[in-house]
């Protein structure tokens, strides 16, 4: 009873954020406690970019669009073509802390805390129950996919996009709830941060928003105020992302760029199940998924779809999740419809 009373109000929110902060540093510690960090392939790319940005800032200049640090000094346009603005989470500690490992530990802990915090903001739109806010945020942030991205594969751009994704959903949901001004600001904030983090996550966000609004149009729920709010959010997003977008457009138009390999790799169901049951974060195709725990939650929620209840608004999110989940598997003939090398 005393714990429940303590968790209510502002004290409860401070306690919740404190738990998130401590948990972020504890989880990250397990990848650094030996005094080193195991570098993944994508880490090499990101760390060389971060070092280039840090060197530019030390000389009071903006980073060059072409990076000559690493990559055999051939000159790669990662600085210009890959968004780096939100990577200041990694660059600033690098500038302030002499110990590179300690700086990286601090940065990754903060990234995990930001992911927890943003997810909590989204969930708070639906409930004030601290237990739901805590466990919902933990499940989102500590799922197998995200931990592999951060600590093994080193896909820090995807991890940053994943951290800011809840703000995009919060913004569009606020607009649907007719909180147009707040919704526009959150949508613009979320999309700006995603664009300044990771291009593929940006593409996925845009696809989701387009599909959502087309469905609302078909259901005749789309009105002028909603369209206006989205347009305002889009304008703010473009302004806030102008540096990143202008660099990408300028380099693309003026150069014949050699792009990374392009392919869509689908999951095999049997490998997915086998990978989900293994308690490992090793980056292999078969276990590069959200893990068994979330799969069990998803199955439970699918069962709940068939239960009768007064409030059914939550059911559409389960259906959307299931459709997205199915689309990741080899059941979908991507190679026959010309999408595998887009």
Protein backbone atom coordinates (compact mmCIF):
# COMPACT_ATOMS: atom_id res chain seq x y z
CA UNK A 1 0.00 0.00 0.00
CA UNK A 2 2.83 2.40 0.87
CA UNK A 3 4.65 1.56 -2.38
CA UNK A 4 1.52 2.25 -4.45
CA UNK A 5 1.02 5.59 -2.68
CA UNK A 6 4.65 6.49 -3.26
CA UNK A 7 4.39 5.67 -6.96
CA UNK A 8 1.54 8.12 -7.49
CA UNK A 9 2.01 11.70 -8.69
CA UNK A 10 5.26 13.49 -9.45
CA UNK A 11 7.31 11.42 -6.99
CA UNK A 12 6.24 8.28 -8.83
CA UNK A 13 7.38 9.74 -12.16
CA UNK A 14 10.75 10.72 -10.71
CA UNK A 15 11.11 7.23 -9.23
CA UNK A 16 10.21 5.67 -12.61
CA UNK A 17 12.75 7.80 -14.51
CA UNK A 18 15.38 7.00 -11.90
CA UNK A 19 14.72 3.29 -12.42
CA UNK A 20 15.08 3.76 -16.19
CA UNK A 21 18.35 5.64 -15.74
CA UNK A 22 19.89 3.09 -13.37
CA UNK A 23 18.66 0.15 -15.45
CA UNK A 24 20.19 1.61 -18.62
CA UNK A 25 23.62 1.83 -17.04
CA UNK A 26 23.35 -1.63 -15.44
CA UNK A 27 22.33 -3.38 -18.69
CA UNK A 28 25.09 -1.61 -20.66
CA UNK A 29 27.66 -2.47 -17.99
CA UNK A 30 27.46 -6.18 -18.87
CA UNK A 31 28.92 -5.39 -22.31
CA UNK A 32 31.80 -3.34 -20.86
CA UNK A 33 32.70 -4.94 -17.52
CA UNK A 34 35.80 -6.64 -18.96
CA UNK A 35 37.23 -3.24 -19.85
CA UNK A 36 36.65 -3.49 -23.59
CA UNK A 37 33.76 -3.48 -26.08
CA UNK A 38 33.35 -6.10 -28.79
CA UNK A 39 33.08 -4.13 -32.02
CA UNK A 40 30.63 -5.26 -34.71
CA UNK A 41 30.99 -4.59 -38.45
CA UNK A 42 28.62 -1.59 -38.45
CA UNK A 43 30.35 -0.24 -35.33
CA UNK A 44 33.52 0.24 -37.40
CA UNK A 45 31.67 2.49 -39.84
CA UNK A 46 29.92 4.50 -37.13
CA UNK A 47 33.00 4.95 -34.92
CA UNK A 48 35.04 6.24 -37.85
CA UNK A 49 32.27 8.72 -38.66
CA UNK A 50 32.03 9.79 -34.99
CA UNK A 51 35.80 10.30 -34.87
CA UNK A 52 35.65 12.44 -38.01
CA UNK A 53 32.86 14.57 -36.51
CA UNK A 54 34.71 14.92 -33.19
CA UNK A 55 37.89 16.03 -34.97
CA UNK A 56 35.94 18.64 -36.95
CA UNK A 57 34.34 20.02 -33.78
CA UNK A 58 37.70 20.18 -32.04
CA UNK A 59 38.83 22.42 -34.90
CA UNK A 60 35.61 24.50 -34.69
CA UNK A 61 34.34 23.35 -38.07
CA UNK A 62 31.42 21.37 -39.45
CA UNK A 63 32.31 17.78 -40.41
CA UNK A 64 33.35 17.26 -44.05
CA UNK A 65 30.80 15.46 -46.20
CA UNK A 66 33.48 13.02 -47.35
CA UNK A 67 35.24 11.10 -44.60
CA UNK A 68 38.93 10.13 -44.92
CA UNK A 69 39.22 8.53 -41.47
CA UNK A 70 39.16 4.77 -41.91
CA UNK A 71 37.92 3.01 -45.06
CA UNK A 72 41.59 2.76 -46.18
CA UNK A 73 41.53 6.57 -46.54
CA UNK A 74 39.77 6.19 -49.88
CA UNK A 75 37.19 8.81 -49.08
CA UNK A 76 33.63 7.75 -48.33
CA UNK A 77 30.58 9.99 -48.17
CA UNK A 78 29.19 8.52 -44.96
CA UNK A 79 29.28 11.92 -43.25
CA UNK A 80 27.09 13.40 -45.95
CA UNK A 81 24.82 10.50 -46.89
CA UNK A 82 24.30 9.01 -43.42
CA UNK A 83 22.47 11.26 -40.92
CA UNK A 84 24.66 12.04 -37.92
CA UNK A 85 22.99 14.90 -36.01
CA UNK A 86 21.50 12.67 -33.28
CA UNK A 87 24.84 10.87 -33.11
CA UNK A 88 25.97 13.77 -30.95
CA UNK A 89 24.88 11.41 -28.16
CA UNK A 90 28.15 9.60 -28.98
CA UNK A 91 30.28 12.51 -30.17
CA UNK A 92 29.87 14.85 -27.16
CA UNK A 93 30.99 12.27 -24.55
CA UNK A 94 33.91 11.43 -26.86
CA UNK A 95 34.96 15.09 -26.70
CA UNK A 96 34.49 15.42 -22.94
CA UNK A 97 35.86 12.07 -21.71
CA UNK A 98 39.45 11.06 -22.48
CA UNK A 99 38.81 7.36 -21.92
CA UNK A 100 37.21 6.13 -25.19
CA UNK A 101 35.66 3.01 -23.60
CA UNK A 102 34.15 5.04 -20.75
CA UNK A 103 32.76 7.60 -23.21
CA UNK A 104 31.19 4.83 -25.30
CA UNK A 105 29.72 3.18 -22.18
CA UNK A 106 28.14 6.48 -21.15
CA UNK A 107 26.77 7.12 -24.67
CA UNK A 108 25.16 3.69 -25.05
CA UNK A 109 23.61 3.96 -21.59
CA UNK A 110 22.10 7.34 -22.48
CA UNK A 111 20.78 5.94 -25.79
CA UNK A 112 19.02 3.15 -23.89
CA UNK A 113 17.61 5.65 -21.38
CA UNK A 114 16.25 7.85 -24.20
CA UNK A 115 14.57 4.77 -25.74
CA UNK A 116 12.92 3.95 -22.40
CA UNK A 117 11.86 7.56 -21.84
CA UNK A 118 10.30 8.04 -25.29
CA UNK A 119 8.39 4.77 -25.06
CA UNK A 120 7.14 5.81 -21.63
CA UNK A 121 5.87 9.10 -23.12
CA UNK A 122 3.90 7.16 -25.71
CA UNK A 123 2.41 4.76 -23.16
CA UNK A 124 1.53 7.63 -20.83
CA UNK A 125 -0.94 8.79 -23.47
CA UNK A 126 -2.98 5.66 -22.67
CA UNK A 127 -2.40 4.94 -18.99
CA UNK A 128 -0.94 6.37 -15.77
CA UNK A 129 -0.30 2.96 -14.21
CA UNK A 130 3.38 2.97 -13.33
CA UNK A 131 3.66 -0.82 -13.66
CA UNK A 132 2.41 -0.66 -17.27
CA UNK A 133 4.67 2.29 -18.05
CA UNK A 134 7.67 0.47 -16.61
CA UNK A 135 7.19 -2.97 -18.12
CA UNK A 136 5.95 -1.63 -21.46
CA UNK A 137 9.01 0.58 -21.82
CA UNK A 138 11.37 -2.20 -20.73
CA UNK A 139 9.83 -4.69 -23.18
CA UNK A 140 10.17 -2.19 -26.04
CA UNK A 141 13.71 -1.11 -25.20
CA UNK A 142 15.25 -4.44 -24.14
CA UNK A 143 13.84 -6.66 -26.86
CA UNK A 144 16.33 -8.94 -28.60
CA UNK A 145 16.30 -6.96 -31.86
CA UNK A 146 17.26 -3.66 -30.24
CA UNK A 147 19.95 -5.15 -27.99
CA UNK A 148 21.57 -6.90 -30.97
CA UNK A 149 21.52 -3.61 -32.90
CA UNK A 150 23.22 -1.68 -30.09
CA UNK A 151 25.62 -4.16 -28.53
CA UNK A 152 26.45 -6.71 -31.20
CA UNK A 153 25.70 -5.73 -34.79
CA UNK A 154 26.50 -2.09 -34.06
CA UNK A 155 23.59 -0.72 -36.11
CA UNK A 156 23.58 2.53 -34.15
CA UNK A 157 21.61 4.40 -36.82
CA UNK A 158 18.79 1.89 -36.51
CA UNK A 159 19.04 2.01 -32.72
CA UNK A 160 18.71 5.81 -32.76
CA UNK A 161 15.73 5.62 -35.13
CA UNK A 162 14.19 2.98 -32.85
CA UNK A 163 14.67 5.29 -29.86
CA UNK A 164 12.75 8.17 -31.45
CA UNK A 165 10.07 6.10 -33.22
CA UNK A 166 7.59 6.29 -30.27
CA UNK A 167 7.48 10.08 -30.63
CA UNK A 168 6.21 9.71 -34.21
CA UNK A 169 3.38 7.43 -33.08
CA UNK A 170 2.61 9.71 -30.13
CA UNK A 171 2.33 12.70 -32.46
CA UNK A 172 -0.04 11.08 -34.96
CA UNK A 173 -2.18 9.58 -32.16
CA UNK A 174 -2.46 13.01 -30.49
CA UNK A 175 -3.68 14.43 -33.81
CA UNK A 176 -6.27 11.64 -34.06
CA UNK A 177 -7.38 12.54 -30.54
CA UNK A 178 -7.94 16.10 -31.83
CA UNK A 179 -5.05 17.54 -29.83
CA UNK A 180 -3.85 19.12 -33.04
CA UNK A 181 -1.21 21.55 -31.79
CA UNK A 182 0.47 19.13 -29.39
CA UNK A 183 0.19 16.34 -31.96
CA UNK A 184 1.84 18.41 -34.67
CA UNK A 185 4.75 19.28 -32.39
CA UNK A 186 5.33 15.69 -31.30
CA UNK A 187 4.99 14.38 -34.86
CA UNK A 188 7.46 17.01 -36.12
CA UNK A 189 9.86 16.32 -33.24
CA UNK A 190 9.72 12.56 -33.79
CA UNK A 191 10.10 12.70 -37.57
CA UNK A 192 12.92 15.26 -37.34
CA UNK A 193 14.86 13.10 -34.92
CA UNK A 194 14.25 9.96 -37.01
CA UNK A 195 15.36 11.70 -40.24
CA UNK A 196 18.48 12.94 -38.45
CA UNK A 197 19.16 9.37 -37.28
CA UNK A 198 18.40 6.78 -39.95
CA UNK A 199 17.04 6.95 -43.50
CA UNK A 200 15.47 3.47 -43.64
CA UNK A 201 13.56 4.09 -40.41
CA UNK A 202 12.37 7.35 -42.00
CA UNK A 203 11.06 5.45 -45.03
CA UNK A 204 9.22 2.98 -42.77
CA UNK A 205 7.69 5.84 -40.73
CA UNK A 206 6.47 7.60 -43.87
CA UNK A 207 4.96 4.37 -45.22
CA UNK A 208 3.11 3.76 -41.95
CA UNK A 209 1.78 7.33 -41.81
CA UNK A 210 0.58 7.19 -45.44
CA UNK A 211 -1.17 3.85 -44.86
CA UNK A 212 -2.76 5.09 -41.62
CA UNK A 213 -4.12 8.24 -43.23
CA UNK A 214 -5.42 6.37 -46.31
CA UNK A 215 -7.36 4.06 -44.00
CA UNK A 216 -8.77 7.04 -42.12
CA UNK A 217 -9.76 8.56 -45.44
CA UNK A 218 -11.59 5.37 -46.41
CA UNK A 219 -13.29 5.30 -43.00
CA UNK A 220 -14.23 8.98 -43.43
CA UNK A 221 -12.42 9.98 -40.25
CA UNK A 222 -9.98 12.33 -41.98
CA UNK A 223 -10.89 16.01 -41.66
CA UNK A 224 -9.34 19.34 -42.63
CA UNK A 225 -7.84 20.04 -39.19
CA UNK A 226 -6.05 16.69 -39.24
CA UNK A 227 -4.64 17.35 -42.72
CA UNK A 228 -3.58 20.84 -41.65
CA UNK A 229 -1.84 19.47 -38.53
CA UNK A 230 0.09 16.92 -40.58
CA UNK A 231 1.13 19.59 -43.11
CA UNK A 232 2.34 21.85 -40.28
CA UNK A 233 4.29 18.93 -38.79
CA UNK A 234 5.79 18.15 -42.21
CA UNK A 235 6.91 21.78 -42.66
CA UNK A 236 8.57 21.88 -39.22
CA UNK A 237 10.20 18.51 -39.94
CA UNK A 238 11.70 19.71 -43.23
CA UNK A 239 13.10 22.84 -41.57
CA UNK A 240 14.54 20.87 -38.62
CA UNK A 241 16.05 18.27 -40.97
CA UNK A 242 17.26 20.73 -43.62
CA UNK A 243 20.98 20.15 -42.93
CA UNK A 244 20.74 16.37 -43.28
CA UNK A 245 18.38 16.43 -46.27
CA UNK A 246 20.32 19.11 -48.15
CA UNK A 247 23.58 17.13 -47.79
CA UNK A 248 21.96 13.96 -49.12
CA UNK A 249 20.31 15.76 -52.05
CA UNK A 250 23.48 17.71 -52.95
CA UNK A 251 25.73 14.65 -52.92
CA UNK A 252 23.21 12.54 -54.82
CA UNK A 253 22.72 15.09 -57.60
CA UNK A 254 26.38 16.04 -58.10
CA UNK A 255 28.03 12.63 -57.79
CA UNK A 256 27.83 9.13 -59.18
CA UNK A 257 27.76 7.33 -55.84
CA UNK A 258 28.58 3.69 -55.25
CA UNK A 259 25.84 2.50 -52.92
CA UNK A 260 25.96 -0.35 -50.39
CA UNK A 261 24.43 -3.65 -51.45
CA UNK A 262 20.65 -3.61 -51.66
CA UNK A 263 18.60 -6.61 -50.67
CA UNK A 264 15.60 -7.64 -48.60
CA UNK A 265 16.37 -10.67 -46.46
CA UNK A 266 13.26 -12.43 -45.20
CA UNK A 267 13.06 -14.67 -42.14
CA UNK A 268 12.45 -18.38 -42.20
CA UNK A 269 9.82 -19.39 -39.63
CA UNK A 270 11.68 -22.48 -38.38
CA UNK A 271 14.90 -20.51 -37.97
CA UNK A 272 12.97 -17.72 -36.27
CA UNK A 273 11.54 -20.07 -33.64
CA UNK A 274 14.91 -21.77 -33.14
CA UNK A 275 16.68 -18.42 -32.77
CA UNK A 276 14.04 -17.08 -30.37
CA UNK A 277 14.57 -19.94 -27.94
CA UNK A 278 18.32 -19.31 -27.67
CA UNK A 279 19.42 -16.92 -24.94
CA UNK A 280 22.06 -15.20 -27.08
CA UNK A 281 22.52 -11.83 -28.72
CA UNK A 282 24.91 -13.17 -31.35
CA UNK A 283 24.10 -11.53 -34.69
CA UNK A 284 22.84 -14.30 -36.92
CA UNK A 285 19.97 -14.11 -39.38
CA UNK A 286 18.04 -16.81 -37.54
CA UNK A 287 17.92 -14.94 -34.21
CA UNK A 288 17.75 -11.37 -35.50
CA UNK A 289 14.23 -10.83 -34.20
CA UNK A 290 12.40 -9.50 -31.17
CA UNK A 291 12.73 -12.73 -29.15
CA UNK A 292 10.54 -15.39 -27.59
CA UNK A 293 9.17 -13.22 -24.77
CA UNK A 294 7.56 -10.71 -27.13
CA UNK A 295 6.37 -13.54 -29.38
CA UNK A 296 4.50 -15.02 -26.39
CA UNK A 297 2.98 -11.61 -25.60
CA UNK A 298 1.92 -11.28 -29.23
CA UNK A 299 0.24 -14.70 -29.21
CA UNK A 300 -1.63 -13.79 -26.00
CA UNK A 301 -2.83 -10.54 -27.56
CA UNK A 302 -3.98 -12.36 -30.71
CA UNK A 303 -6.09 -14.59 -28.47
CA UNK A 304 -7.47 -11.46 -26.78
CA UNK A 305 -8.66 -10.20 -30.17
CA UNK A 306 -11.46 -12.75 -30.02
CA UNK A 307 -12.64 -11.68 -26.58
CA UNK A 308 -15.64 -9.39 -26.42
CA UNK A 309 -15.11 -6.11 -24.57
CA UNK A 310 -16.55 -2.60 -24.52
CA UNK A 311 -13.40 -0.77 -25.63
CA UNK A 312 -12.07 -2.27 -28.86
CA UNK A 313 -9.89 0.64 -30.03
CA UNK A 314 -6.70 -1.20 -29.02
CA UNK A 315 -7.43 -4.16 -31.29
CA UNK A 316 -6.38 -2.36 -34.47
CA UNK A 317 -2.83 -2.04 -33.12
CA UNK A 318 -2.60 -5.79 -32.57
CA UNK A 319 -3.84 -6.40 -36.11
CA UNK A 320 -1.28 -3.92 -37.51
CA UNK A 321 1.49 -5.63 -35.50
CA UNK A 322 0.47 -9.07 -36.77
CA UNK A 323 0.40 -7.91 -40.40
CA UNK A 324 3.84 -6.29 -40.04
CA UNK A 325 5.16 -9.43 -38.35
CA UNK A 326 3.92 -11.69 -41.17
CA UNK A 327 5.50 -9.41 -43.79
CA UNK A 328 8.98 -10.14 -42.40
CA UNK A 329 8.84 -13.83 -43.37
CA UNK A 330 9.65 -15.73 -46.53
CA UNK A 331 5.93 -16.47 -46.94
CA UNK A 332 5.75 -13.18 -48.83
CA UNK A 333 7.19 -13.68 -52.38
CA UNK A 334 9.25 -10.48 -52.46
CA UNK A 335 11.61 -11.76 -55.15
CA UNK A 336 8.70 -12.44 -57.50
CA UNK A 337 7.33 -8.92 -57.24
CA UNK A 338 10.67 -7.19 -57.84
CA UNK A 339 11.26 -5.78 -54.34
CA UNK A 340 14.28 -7.74 -53.15
CA UNK A 341 16.85 -5.40 -54.70
CA UNK A 342 15.10 -2.05 -54.26
